[in-house]
Amino acid sequence: MQSNNPLSSIPPVTRNILIAIVVMFIAQQVLGQSGGQFIGRYFALYPIDSPWFYPWQLITYALLHGNLMHLFFNGFAIWMFGSQIENFWGEKKYSIFIIVCIIGSGLANAVLSGAPAIGISGAVYGLLVAFGMMWPNHTIQLILPPIPMKAKYFVILFAGIALVSSINPRNDGIAHIAHLGGALTGFLLIQYWRKKPPFKW
């Protein structure tokens, strides 16, 4: 019997991630200013030398988003790329990858950036790298600009933007270092699983 629930077609880990970030975003809105400040104070990611830094923030920051557009684009990318990767890898390997990318992205921002961070964008960059490494010649239809592009060039483009933006930081409210950290973490983890440089033995 076919389910009428549109979420049932999304693999379980990806589905749970999407539910978690939507629920947390709703909580941010419903709790109002004081509740939102409490969530931001204890769940956003602060620099590691800040008195407001707590170890659990290396996970919880990924559940928070600054506005609806931030949530939409991250959720859309997780659904688009994460679903295919989870179906290919399976739940366990995919879960490990997501968690490691979240932590790696968070560590990069906490150590190298002086600004707090929220959002699961770092893990999204890890997923982009994974997708580009596994299906490099798959064509992706971009939204802005509306042109088709092979996955390998798509990844190079976005990683390049993150790198340049990290070297020349601007006060644009975007955690470019976290993006770069997530991309690098995803690349290194896949290379480790493949037993390829720098982990060749």
N, C-alpha and C. Protein backbone atom coordinates (compact mmCIF):
# COMPACT_ATOMS: atom_id res chain seq x y z
N MET A 1 0.85 -1.19 0.00
CA MET A 1 0.00 0.00 0.00
C MET A 1 0.88 1.25 0.00
N GLN A 2 0.66 2.14 -0.92
CA GLN A 2 1.49 3.32 -1.07
C GLN A 2 1.07 4.40 -0.07
N SER A 3 2.07 4.99 0.61
CA SER A 3 1.79 6.02 1.61
C SER A 3 1.53 7.36 0.92
N ASN A 4 0.60 8.13 1.50
CA ASN A 4 0.31 9.46 0.99
C ASN A 4 1.20 10.52 1.65
N ASN A 5 2.03 10.09 2.58
CA ASN A 5 2.92 11.01 3.28
C ASN A 5 4.11 11.32 2.39
N PRO A 6 4.30 12.59 1.96
CA PRO A 6 5.41 12.92 1.07
C PRO A 6 6.78 12.71 1.71
N LEU A 7 6.82 12.71 3.06
CA LEU A 7 8.09 12.51 3.75
C LEU A 7 8.55 11.05 3.68
N SER A 8 7.63 10.14 3.37
CA SER A 8 7.97 8.72 3.38
C SER A 8 8.94 8.36 2.27
N SER A 9 9.01 9.18 1.23
CA SER A 9 9.93 8.90 0.12
C SER A 9 11.35 9.38 0.42
N ILE A 10 11.52 10.14 1.50
CA ILE A 10 12.85 10.63 1.88
C ILE A 10 13.49 9.62 2.81
N PRO A 11 14.75 9.21 2.57
CA PRO A 11 15.38 8.22 3.44
C PRO A 11 15.43 8.70 4.89
N PRO A 12 15.44 7.78 5.87
CA PRO A 12 15.17 8.12 7.28
C PRO A 12 16.10 9.13 7.92
N VAL A 13 17.41 9.02 7.71
CA VAL A 13 18.32 9.95 8.37
C VAL A 13 18.13 11.36 7.81
N THR A 14 18.05 11.46 6.50
CA THR A 14 17.80 12.76 5.87
C THR A 14 16.48 13.34 6.34
N ARG A 15 15.46 12.51 6.41
CA ARG A 15 14.14 12.96 6.87
C ARG A 15 14.21 13.48 8.31
N ASN A 16 14.90 12.77 9.18
CA ASN A 16 15.01 13.19 10.58
C ASN A 16 15.78 14.49 10.73
N ILE A 17 16.81 14.68 9.90
CA ILE A 17 17.55 15.93 9.93
C ILE A 17 16.64 17.09 9.53
N LEU A 18 15.88 16.90 8.46
CA LEU A 18 14.97 17.95 8.00
C LEU A 18 13.93 18.27 9.06
N ILE A 19 13.38 17.25 9.70
CA ILE A 19 12.40 17.48 10.76
C ILE A 19 13.03 18.24 11.92
N ALA A 20 14.25 17.86 12.30
CA ALA A 20 14.92 18.49 13.43
C ALA A 20 15.17 19.97 13.19
N ILE A 21 15.66 20.34 12.00
CA ILE A 21 15.97 21.75 11.77
C ILE A 21 14.70 22.58 11.63
N VAL A 22 13.63 21.98 11.10
CA VAL A 22 12.36 22.70 11.01
C VAL A 22 11.76 22.90 12.40
N VAL A 23 11.77 21.85 13.22
CA VAL A 23 11.24 21.96 14.59
C VAL A 23 12.00 23.01 15.39
N MET A 24 13.33 23.01 15.28
CA MET A 24 14.12 24.00 16.02
C MET A 24 13.85 25.41 15.52
N PHE A 25 13.65 25.57 14.22
CA PHE A 25 13.34 26.89 13.69
C PHE A 25 11.99 27.38 14.21
N ILE A 26 11.01 26.49 14.24
CA ILE A 26 9.70 26.84 14.78
C ILE A 26 9.82 27.22 16.26
N ALA A 27 10.63 26.45 17.00
CA ALA A 27 10.83 26.75 18.42
C ALA A 27 11.46 28.13 18.60
N GLN A 28 12.42 28.47 17.75
CA GLN A 28 13.03 29.79 17.81
C GLN A 28 11.99 30.89 17.65
N GLN A 29 11.02 30.66 16.74
CA GLN A 29 10.01 31.69 16.48
C GLN A 29 8.96 31.73 17.60
N VAL A 30 8.53 30.56 18.05
CA VAL A 30 7.46 30.48 19.03
C VAL A 30 7.90 31.00 20.40
N LEU A 31 9.13 30.73 20.78
CA LEU A 31 9.61 31.12 22.10
C LEU A 31 9.81 32.63 22.23
N GLY A 32 9.84 33.31 21.12
CA GLY A 32 9.97 34.76 21.17
C GLY A 32 11.38 35.22 21.49
N GLN A 33 11.50 36.49 21.85
CA GLN A 33 12.82 37.08 22.02
C GLN A 33 13.61 36.46 23.16
N SER A 34 12.99 36.31 24.33
CA SER A 34 13.73 35.78 25.48
C SER A 34 14.11 34.32 25.27
N GLY A 35 13.17 33.53 24.74
CA GLY A 35 13.48 32.13 24.46
C GLY A 35 14.51 31.99 23.36
N GLY A 36 14.37 32.85 22.34
CA GLY A 36 15.35 32.83 21.25
C GLY A 36 16.74 33.20 21.73
N GLN A 37 16.81 34.14 22.66
CA GLN A 37 18.11 34.53 23.21
C GLN A 37 18.72 33.38 24.00
N PHE A 38 17.88 32.64 24.74
CA PHE A 38 18.37 31.49 25.50
C PHE A 38 18.92 30.43 24.55
N ILE A 39 18.17 30.13 23.48
CA ILE A 39 18.63 29.13 22.52
C ILE A 39 19.93 29.59 21.87
N GLY A 40 19.97 30.86 21.45
CA GLY A 40 21.17 31.38 20.82
C GLY A 40 22.36 31.39 21.76
N ARG A 41 22.11 31.65 23.02
CA ARG A 41 23.20 31.73 24.01
C ARG A 41 23.84 30.37 24.24
N TYR A 42 23.04 29.32 24.29
CA TYR A 42 23.57 28.01 24.67
C TYR A 42 23.70 27.01 23.51
N PHE A 43 23.05 27.28 22.39
CA PHE A 43 23.05 26.31 21.30
C PHE A 43 23.79 26.79 20.06
N ALA A 44 23.94 28.09 19.88
CA ALA A 44 24.77 28.60 18.78
C ALA A 44 26.24 28.29 19.09
N LEU A 45 27.08 28.34 18.07
CA LEU A 45 28.49 28.01 18.23
C LEU A 45 29.32 29.28 18.41
N TYR A 46 30.02 29.37 19.54
CA TYR A 46 30.86 30.52 19.83
C TYR A 46 32.33 30.15 19.65
N PRO A 47 33.20 31.15 19.45
CA PRO A 47 34.64 30.86 19.35
C PRO A 47 35.13 30.08 20.56
N ILE A 48 36.09 29.22 20.33
CA ILE A 48 36.51 28.28 21.37
C ILE A 48 37.14 28.98 22.57
N ASP A 49 37.65 30.20 22.40
CA ASP A 49 38.22 30.94 23.51
C ASP A 49 37.21 31.87 24.17
N SER A 50 35.93 31.78 23.76
CA SER A 50 34.89 32.60 24.35
C SER A 50 34.37 31.97 25.64
N PRO A 51 34.02 32.77 26.63
CA PRO A 51 33.42 32.20 27.85
C PRO A 51 32.04 31.60 27.60
N TRP A 52 31.47 31.89 26.43
CA TRP A 52 30.16 31.34 26.09
C TRP A 52 30.25 30.03 25.32
N PHE A 53 31.45 29.54 25.08
CA PHE A 53 31.60 28.29 24.33
C PHE A 53 31.36 27.08 25.23
N TYR A 54 30.58 26.13 24.72
CA TYR A 54 30.36 24.84 25.38
C TYR A 54 30.54 23.75 24.33
N PRO A 55 31.11 22.60 24.71
CA PRO A 55 31.42 21.55 23.73
C PRO A 55 30.21 21.10 22.90
N TRP A 56 29.02 21.05 23.53
CA TRP A 56 27.86 20.56 22.78
C TRP A 56 27.46 21.48 21.63
N GLN A 57 27.96 22.71 21.66
CA GLN A 57 27.64 23.63 20.58
C GLN A 57 28.21 23.17 19.24
N LEU A 58 29.21 22.29 19.26
CA LEU A 58 29.78 21.75 18.02
C LEU A 58 28.77 20.88 17.27
N ILE A 59 27.67 20.53 17.92
CA ILE A 59 26.57 19.80 17.28
C ILE A 59 25.33 20.68 17.16
N THR A 60 24.97 21.34 18.25
CA THR A 60 23.67 22.03 18.31
C THR A 60 23.58 23.23 17.37
N TYR A 61 24.73 23.85 17.05
CA TYR A 61 24.68 25.03 16.17
C TYR A 61 24.06 24.69 14.81
N ALA A 62 24.23 23.45 14.39
CA ALA A 62 23.75 23.03 13.07
C ALA A 62 22.23 22.98 13.01
N LEU A 63 21.56 22.93 14.16
CA LEU A 63 20.10 22.85 14.18
C LEU A 63 19.44 24.21 14.09
N LEU A 64 20.21 25.28 14.24
CA LEU A 64 19.64 26.63 14.28
C LEU A 64 19.82 27.33 12.93
N HIS A 65 18.87 28.20 12.58
CA HIS A 65 18.97 28.97 11.34
C HIS A 65 18.47 30.39 11.57
N GLY A 66 19.09 31.32 10.86
CA GLY A 66 18.84 32.73 11.11
C GLY A 66 17.53 33.24 10.56
N ASN A 67 17.06 32.68 9.45
CA ASN A 67 15.80 33.12 8.85
C ASN A 67 15.26 32.00 7.96
N LEU A 68 14.08 32.24 7.41
CA LEU A 68 13.41 31.21 6.62
C LEU A 68 14.19 30.86 5.36
N MET A 69 14.82 31.84 4.73
CA MET A 69 15.58 31.58 3.51
C MET A 69 16.80 30.70 3.81
N HIS A 70 17.48 30.98 4.93
CA HIS A 70 18.62 30.18 5.38
C HIS A 70 18.19 28.73 5.57
N LEU A 71 17.06 28.55 6.24
CA LEU A 71 16.52 27.21 6.49
C LEU A 71 16.14 26.53 5.18
N PHE A 72 15.49 27.26 4.27
CA PHE A 72 15.02 26.65 3.03
C PHE A 72 16.17 26.13 2.18
N PHE A 73 17.18 26.96 1.96
CA PHE A 73 18.28 26.54 1.08
C PHE A 73 19.07 25.38 1.68
N ASN A 74 19.30 25.41 2.99
CA ASN A 74 20.00 24.28 3.60
C ASN A 74 19.15 23.02 3.55
N GLY A 75 17.86 23.16 3.85
CA GLY A 75 16.97 22.01 3.79
C GLY A 75 16.85 21.44 2.39
N PHE A 76 16.75 22.33 1.41
CA PHE A 76 16.65 21.89 0.01
C PHE A 76 17.90 21.12 -0.40
N ALA A 77 19.08 21.62 -0.03
CA ALA A 77 20.34 20.96 -0.39
C ALA A 77 20.46 19.60 0.30
N ILE A 78 20.05 19.54 1.57
CA ILE A 78 20.11 18.26 2.29
C ILE A 78 19.18 17.25 1.63
N TRP A 79 17.98 17.69 1.27
CA TRP A 79 17.05 16.79 0.59
C TRP A 79 17.59 16.35 -0.77
N MET A 80 18.11 17.29 -1.54
CA MET A 80 18.54 17.02 -2.91
C MET A 80 19.76 16.10 -2.95
N PHE A 81 20.79 16.45 -2.18
CA PHE A 81 22.04 15.69 -2.23
C PHE A 81 22.08 14.57 -1.18
N GLY A 82 21.57 14.88 0.02
CA GLY A 82 21.63 13.90 1.10
C GLY A 82 20.82 12.66 0.82
N SER A 83 19.65 12.82 0.19
CA SER A 83 18.80 11.66 -0.08
C SER A 83 19.51 10.65 -0.96
N GLN A 84 20.15 11.14 -2.03
CA GLN A 84 20.84 10.22 -2.95
C GLN A 84 22.05 9.58 -2.29
N ILE A 85 22.78 10.36 -1.50
CA ILE A 85 23.97 9.82 -0.84
C ILE A 85 23.57 8.79 0.22
N GLU A 86 22.51 9.07 0.98
CA GLU A 86 22.06 8.10 1.99
C GLU A 86 21.59 6.82 1.34
N ASN A 87 20.85 6.92 0.25
CA ASN A 87 20.41 5.71 -0.45
C ASN A 87 21.59 4.89 -0.96
N PHE A 88 22.67 5.57 -1.32
CA PHE A 88 23.86 4.88 -1.84
C PHE A 88 24.69 4.27 -0.72
N TRP A 89 24.91 5.03 0.35
CA TRP A 89 25.78 4.59 1.44
C TRP A 89 25.07 3.74 2.49
N GLY A 90 23.81 4.02 2.73
CA GLY A 90 23.11 3.41 3.84
C GLY A 90 23.09 4.35 5.04
N GLU A 91 22.20 4.05 5.98
CA GLU A 91 21.96 4.95 7.11
C GLU A 91 23.20 5.15 7.99
N LYS A 92 23.91 4.08 8.33
CA LYS A 92 25.01 4.18 9.29
C LYS A 92 26.15 5.04 8.75
N LYS A 93 26.61 4.73 7.56
CA LYS A 93 27.74 5.46 6.98
C LYS A 93 27.36 6.92 6.74
N TYR A 94 26.15 7.13 6.27
CA TYR A 94 25.68 8.49 6.00
C TYR A 94 25.59 9.29 7.30
N SER A 95 25.10 8.67 8.38
CA SER A 95 25.00 9.35 9.67
C SER A 95 26.37 9.75 10.18
N ILE A 96 27.33 8.84 10.06
CA ILE A 96 28.70 9.14 10.49
C ILE A 96 29.23 10.33 9.70
N PHE A 97 29.01 10.32 8.41
CA PHE A 97 29.52 11.40 7.55
C PHE A 97 28.93 12.75 7.95
N ILE A 98 27.62 12.80 8.15
CA ILE A 98 26.96 14.05 8.51
C ILE A 98 27.48 14.58 9.84
N ILE A 99 27.57 13.71 10.84
CA ILE A 99 28.02 14.14 12.18
C ILE A 99 29.45 14.62 12.14
N VAL A 100 30.32 13.89 11.45
CA VAL A 100 31.72 14.30 11.36
C VAL A 100 31.85 15.64 10.64
N CYS A 101 31.08 15.84 9.58
CA CYS A 101 31.13 17.12 8.85
C CYS A 101 30.62 18.27 9.71
N ILE A 102 29.58 18.04 10.49
CA ILE A 102 29.07 19.07 11.40
C ILE A 102 30.13 19.46 12.41
N ILE A 103 30.78 18.45 13.01
CA ILE A 103 31.81 18.73 14.02
C ILE A 103 33.04 19.37 13.38
N GLY A 104 33.47 18.86 12.23
CA GLY A 104 34.63 19.43 11.55
C GLY A 104 34.40 20.87 11.13
N SER A 105 33.22 21.14 10.62
CA SER A 105 32.85 22.50 10.23
C SER A 105 32.82 23.40 11.46
N GLY A 106 32.24 22.90 12.54
CA GLY A 106 32.15 23.68 13.76
C GLY A 106 33.51 23.97 14.36
N LEU A 107 34.39 22.98 14.38
CA LEU A 107 35.74 23.19 14.91
C LEU A 107 36.49 24.24 14.12
N ALA A 108 36.36 24.18 12.80
CA ALA A 108 37.04 25.16 11.95
C ALA A 108 36.59 26.57 12.31
N ASN A 109 35.28 26.74 12.48
CA ASN A 109 34.76 28.07 12.79
C ASN A 109 35.12 28.51 14.21
N ALA A 110 35.03 27.58 15.16
CA ALA A 110 35.30 27.91 16.56
C ALA A 110 36.76 28.28 16.79
N VAL A 111 37.66 27.65 16.02
CA VAL A 111 39.10 27.88 16.21
C VAL A 111 39.59 29.04 15.35
N LEU A 112 39.11 29.15 14.14
CA LEU A 112 39.70 30.10 13.18
C LEU A 112 38.89 31.38 12.98
N SER A 113 37.65 31.39 13.44
CA SER A 113 36.82 32.58 13.26
C SER A 113 36.49 33.21 14.61
N GLY A 114 36.41 34.50 14.63
CA GLY A 114 36.05 35.20 15.86
C GLY A 114 34.57 35.44 16.00
N ALA A 115 33.78 34.92 15.07
CA ALA A 115 32.33 35.18 15.07
C ALA A 115 31.56 33.91 15.39
N PRO A 116 30.41 34.03 16.05
CA PRO A 116 29.55 32.87 16.29
C PRO A 116 28.99 32.34 14.97
N ALA A 117 28.46 31.12 15.00
CA ALA A 117 27.90 30.52 13.79
C ALA A 117 26.67 29.70 14.13
N ILE A 118 25.73 29.67 13.19
CA ILE A 118 24.58 28.78 13.27
C ILE A 118 24.32 28.23 11.88
N GLY A 119 23.62 27.10 11.82
CA GLY A 119 23.22 26.53 10.53
C GLY A 119 23.99 25.29 10.16
N ILE A 120 23.36 24.48 9.34
CA ILE A 120 23.94 23.20 8.93
C ILE A 120 24.67 23.31 7.59
N SER A 121 24.99 24.54 7.20
CA SER A 121 25.63 24.77 5.89
C SER A 121 26.95 24.03 5.75
N GLY A 122 27.74 23.93 6.83
CA GLY A 122 29.02 23.23 6.75
C GLY A 122 28.85 21.79 6.34
N ALA A 123 27.85 21.12 6.92
CA ALA A 123 27.57 19.73 6.52
C ALA A 123 27.06 19.67 5.09
N VAL A 124 26.31 20.69 4.67
CA VAL A 124 25.84 20.76 3.28
C VAL A 124 27.03 20.79 2.33
N TYR A 125 28.05 21.58 2.67
CA TYR A 125 29.25 21.62 1.84
C TYR A 125 29.95 20.27 1.81
N GLY A 126 29.93 19.55 2.93
CA GLY A 126 30.47 18.19 2.95
C GLY A 126 29.70 17.28 2.01
N LEU A 127 28.37 17.42 1.99
CA LEU A 127 27.54 16.63 1.08
C LEU A 127 27.82 16.98 -0.37
N LEU A 128 28.02 18.26 -0.65
CA LEU A 128 28.34 18.67 -2.02
C LEU A 128 29.63 18.00 -2.49
N VAL A 129 30.63 17.99 -1.61
CA VAL A 129 31.91 17.36 -1.96
C VAL A 129 31.71 15.87 -2.19
N ALA A 130 30.96 15.22 -1.30
CA ALA A 130 30.70 13.79 -1.45
C ALA A 130 29.99 13.49 -2.77
N PHE A 131 28.99 14.29 -3.08
CA PHE A 131 28.25 14.10 -4.33
C PHE A 131 29.16 14.28 -5.53
N GLY A 132 29.98 15.33 -5.50
CA GLY A 132 30.89 15.59 -6.61
C GLY A 132 31.95 14.52 -6.77
N MET A 133 32.38 13.91 -5.68
CA MET A 133 33.40 12.86 -5.75
C MET A 133 32.82 11.54 -6.26
N MET A 134 31.55 11.28 -5.94
CA MET A 134 30.95 10.01 -6.33
C MET A 134 30.27 10.05 -7.70
N TRP A 135 29.72 11.21 -8.04
CA TRP A 135 29.05 11.36 -9.33
C TRP A 135 29.56 12.63 -10.01
N PRO A 136 30.84 12.67 -10.35
CA PRO A 136 31.45 13.91 -10.85
C PRO A 136 30.85 14.43 -12.15
N ASN A 137 30.32 13.54 -12.99
CA ASN A 137 29.80 13.97 -14.28
C ASN A 137 28.28 14.11 -14.31
N HIS A 138 27.67 13.96 -13.13
CA HIS A 138 26.22 14.16 -13.04
C HIS A 138 25.91 15.64 -13.22
N THR A 139 24.91 15.96 -14.04
CA THR A 139 24.57 17.35 -14.32
C THR A 139 23.60 17.88 -13.26
N ILE A 140 23.96 19.02 -12.68
CA ILE A 140 23.11 19.70 -11.70
C ILE A 140 22.52 20.95 -12.34
N GLN A 141 21.24 21.13 -12.19
CA GLN A 141 20.58 22.33 -12.71
C GLN A 141 20.57 23.40 -11.63
N LEU A 142 21.35 24.43 -11.81
CA LEU A 142 21.42 25.50 -10.82
C LEU A 142 20.15 26.34 -10.85
N ILE A 143 19.86 26.96 -9.69
CA ILE A 143 18.73 27.88 -9.61
C ILE A 143 19.18 29.29 -9.97
N LEU A 144 20.28 29.73 -9.35
CA LEU A 144 20.86 31.05 -9.64
C LEU A 144 22.35 30.88 -9.88
N PRO A 145 22.85 31.06 -11.10
CA PRO A 145 22.07 31.31 -12.32
C PRO A 145 21.43 30.01 -12.83
N PRO A 146 20.37 30.09 -13.62
CA PRO A 146 19.65 28.89 -14.07
C PRO A 146 20.36 28.19 -15.23
N ILE A 147 21.50 27.58 -14.93
CA ILE A 147 22.27 26.88 -15.95
C ILE A 147 22.66 25.50 -15.45
N PRO A 148 22.80 24.52 -16.36
CA PRO A 148 23.27 23.19 -15.96
C PRO A 148 24.79 23.19 -15.77
N MET A 149 25.25 22.38 -14.84
CA MET A 149 26.68 22.30 -14.56
C MET A 149 27.01 20.91 -14.03
N LYS A 150 28.12 20.33 -14.47
CA LYS A 150 28.54 19.04 -13.95
C LYS A 150 28.89 19.17 -12.47
N ALA A 151 28.63 18.12 -11.71
CA ALA A 151 28.80 18.16 -10.27
C ALA A 151 30.22 18.52 -9.86
N LYS A 152 31.23 18.02 -10.59
CA LYS A 152 32.61 18.29 -10.21
C LYS A 152 32.94 19.77 -10.33
N TYR A 153 32.39 20.44 -11.34
CA TYR A 153 32.62 21.88 -11.50
C TYR A 153 31.81 22.68 -10.49
N PHE A 154 30.64 22.18 -10.17
CA PHE A 154 29.78 22.81 -9.17
C PHE A 154 30.49 22.84 -7.82
N VAL A 155 31.09 21.71 -7.44
CA VAL A 155 31.80 21.62 -6.16
C VAL A 155 33.02 22.53 -6.16
N ILE A 156 33.79 22.50 -7.23
CA ILE A 156 34.98 23.36 -7.33
C ILE A 156 34.59 24.83 -7.21
N LEU A 157 33.50 25.21 -7.85
CA LEU A 157 33.04 26.59 -7.80
C LEU A 157 32.70 27.02 -6.38
N PHE A 158 31.89 26.21 -5.69
CA PHE A 158 31.45 26.59 -4.36
C PHE A 158 32.59 26.49 -3.33
N ALA A 159 33.45 25.50 -3.48
CA ALA A 159 34.61 25.40 -2.58
C ALA A 159 35.55 26.58 -2.80
N GLY A 160 35.71 26.98 -4.06
CA GLY A 160 36.55 28.13 -4.37
C GLY A 160 36.01 29.41 -3.76
N ILE A 161 34.69 29.59 -3.84
CA ILE A 161 34.07 30.77 -3.24
C ILE A 161 34.30 30.78 -1.73
N ALA A 162 34.13 29.62 -1.09
CA ALA A 162 34.34 29.53 0.36
C ALA A 162 35.78 29.83 0.72
N LEU A 163 36.73 29.34 -0.08
CA LEU A 163 38.14 29.57 0.19
C LEU A 163 38.50 31.05 0.07
N VAL A 164 38.10 31.66 -1.04
CA VAL A 164 38.40 33.08 -1.25
C VAL A 164 37.74 33.94 -0.18
N SER A 165 36.49 33.61 0.18
CA SER A 165 35.77 34.38 1.18
C SER A 165 36.38 34.20 2.57
N SER A 166 36.99 33.03 2.83
CA SER A 166 37.66 32.81 4.12
C SER A 166 38.95 33.58 4.21
N ILE A 167 39.67 33.67 3.09
CA ILE A 167 40.95 34.40 3.08
C ILE A 167 40.70 35.90 3.16
N ASN A 168 39.64 36.36 2.49
CA ASN A 168 39.28 37.78 2.49
C ASN A 168 37.90 37.96 3.12
N PRO A 169 37.85 37.83 4.46
CA PRO A 169 36.54 37.84 5.12
C PRO A 169 35.84 39.19 5.01
N ARG A 170 34.53 39.12 4.84
CA ARG A 170 33.69 40.31 4.82
C ARG A 170 32.62 40.17 5.89
N ASN A 171 32.14 41.28 6.32
CA ASN A 171 31.10 41.27 7.36
C ASN A 171 29.73 41.04 6.72
N ASP A 172 29.57 39.84 6.13
CA ASP A 172 28.33 39.54 5.43
C ASP A 172 27.44 38.57 6.20
N GLY A 173 27.86 38.21 7.41
CA GLY A 173 27.05 37.32 8.24
C GLY A 173 27.07 35.87 7.81
N ILE A 174 27.97 35.50 6.90
CA ILE A 174 28.07 34.13 6.41
C ILE A 174 29.33 33.48 6.98
N ALA A 175 29.18 32.27 7.50
CA ALA A 175 30.31 31.57 8.12
C ALA A 175 31.11 30.84 7.04
N HIS A 176 31.90 31.58 6.27
CA HIS A 176 32.65 30.99 5.17
C HIS A 176 33.67 29.97 5.66
N ILE A 177 34.28 30.22 6.81
CA ILE A 177 35.25 29.26 7.34
C ILE A 177 34.57 27.94 7.70
N ALA A 178 33.36 28.02 8.22
CA ALA A 178 32.60 26.80 8.51
C ALA A 178 32.29 26.03 7.23
N HIS A 179 31.95 26.75 6.17
CA HIS A 179 31.68 26.10 4.88
C HIS A 179 32.93 25.37 4.39
N LEU A 180 34.05 26.07 4.43
CA LEU A 180 35.31 25.47 3.98
C LEU A 180 35.68 24.28 4.86
N GLY A 181 35.48 24.42 6.17
CA GLY A 181 35.77 23.32 7.09
C GLY A 181 34.92 22.10 6.82
N GLY A 182 33.65 22.30 6.51
CA GLY A 182 32.77 21.18 6.19
C GLY A 182 33.18 20.49 4.91
N ALA A 183 33.54 21.28 3.89
CA ALA A 183 33.98 20.71 2.61
C ALA A 183 35.26 19.91 2.78
N LEU A 184 36.22 20.46 3.52
CA LEU A 184 37.50 19.77 3.73
C LEU A 184 37.32 18.52 4.56
N THR A 185 36.47 18.60 5.59
CA THR A 185 36.20 17.42 6.42
C THR A 185 35.58 16.30 5.60
N GLY A 186 34.60 16.65 4.77
CA GLY A 186 33.96 15.64 3.91
C GLY A 186 34.95 15.00 2.96
N PHE A 187 35.80 15.82 2.35
CA PHE A 187 36.82 15.29 1.43
C PHE A 187 37.76 14.34 2.14
N LEU A 188 38.28 14.74 3.29
CA LEU A 188 39.25 13.91 4.02
C LEU A 188 38.62 12.60 4.50
N LEU A 189 37.37 12.66 4.94
CA LEU A 189 36.72 11.43 5.41
C LEU A 189 36.52 10.44 4.27
N ILE A 190 36.12 10.94 3.10
CA ILE A 190 35.94 10.05 1.96
C ILE A 190 37.29 9.47 1.52
N GLN A 191 38.33 10.29 1.51
CA GLN A 191 39.66 9.80 1.18
C GLN A 191 40.12 8.74 2.17
N TYR A 192 39.80 8.93 3.45
CA TYR A 192 40.14 7.94 4.47
C TYR A 192 39.41 6.62 4.21
N TRP A 193 38.14 6.70 3.91
CA TRP A 193 37.38 5.48 3.61
C TRP A 193 37.89 4.79 2.36
N ARG A 194 38.36 5.56 1.40
CA ARG A 194 38.87 4.99 0.15
C ARG A 194 40.33 4.57 0.26
N LYS A 195 40.96 4.88 1.41
CA LYS A 195 42.39 4.59 1.63
C LYS A 195 43.26 5.25 0.55
N LYS A 196 42.95 6.50 0.30
CA LYS A 196 43.70 7.29 -0.67
C LYS A 196 44.36 8.47 0.04
N PRO A 197 45.35 9.12 -0.63
CA PRO A 197 46.10 10.23 -0.01
C PRO A 197 45.13 11.28 0.59
N PRO A 198 45.47 11.78 1.79
CA PRO A 198 46.73 11.57 2.53
C PRO A 198 46.70 10.38 3.47
N PHE A 199 45.78 9.44 3.26
CA PHE A 199 45.64 8.29 4.16
C PHE A 199 46.03 6.98 3.50
N LYS A 200 46.76 7.03 2.41
CA LYS A 200 47.15 5.81 1.70
C LYS A 200 48.13 5.00 2.53
N TRP A 201 47.85 3.68 2.65
CA TRP A 201 48.76 2.81 3.37
C TRP A 201 48.78 1.42 2.74
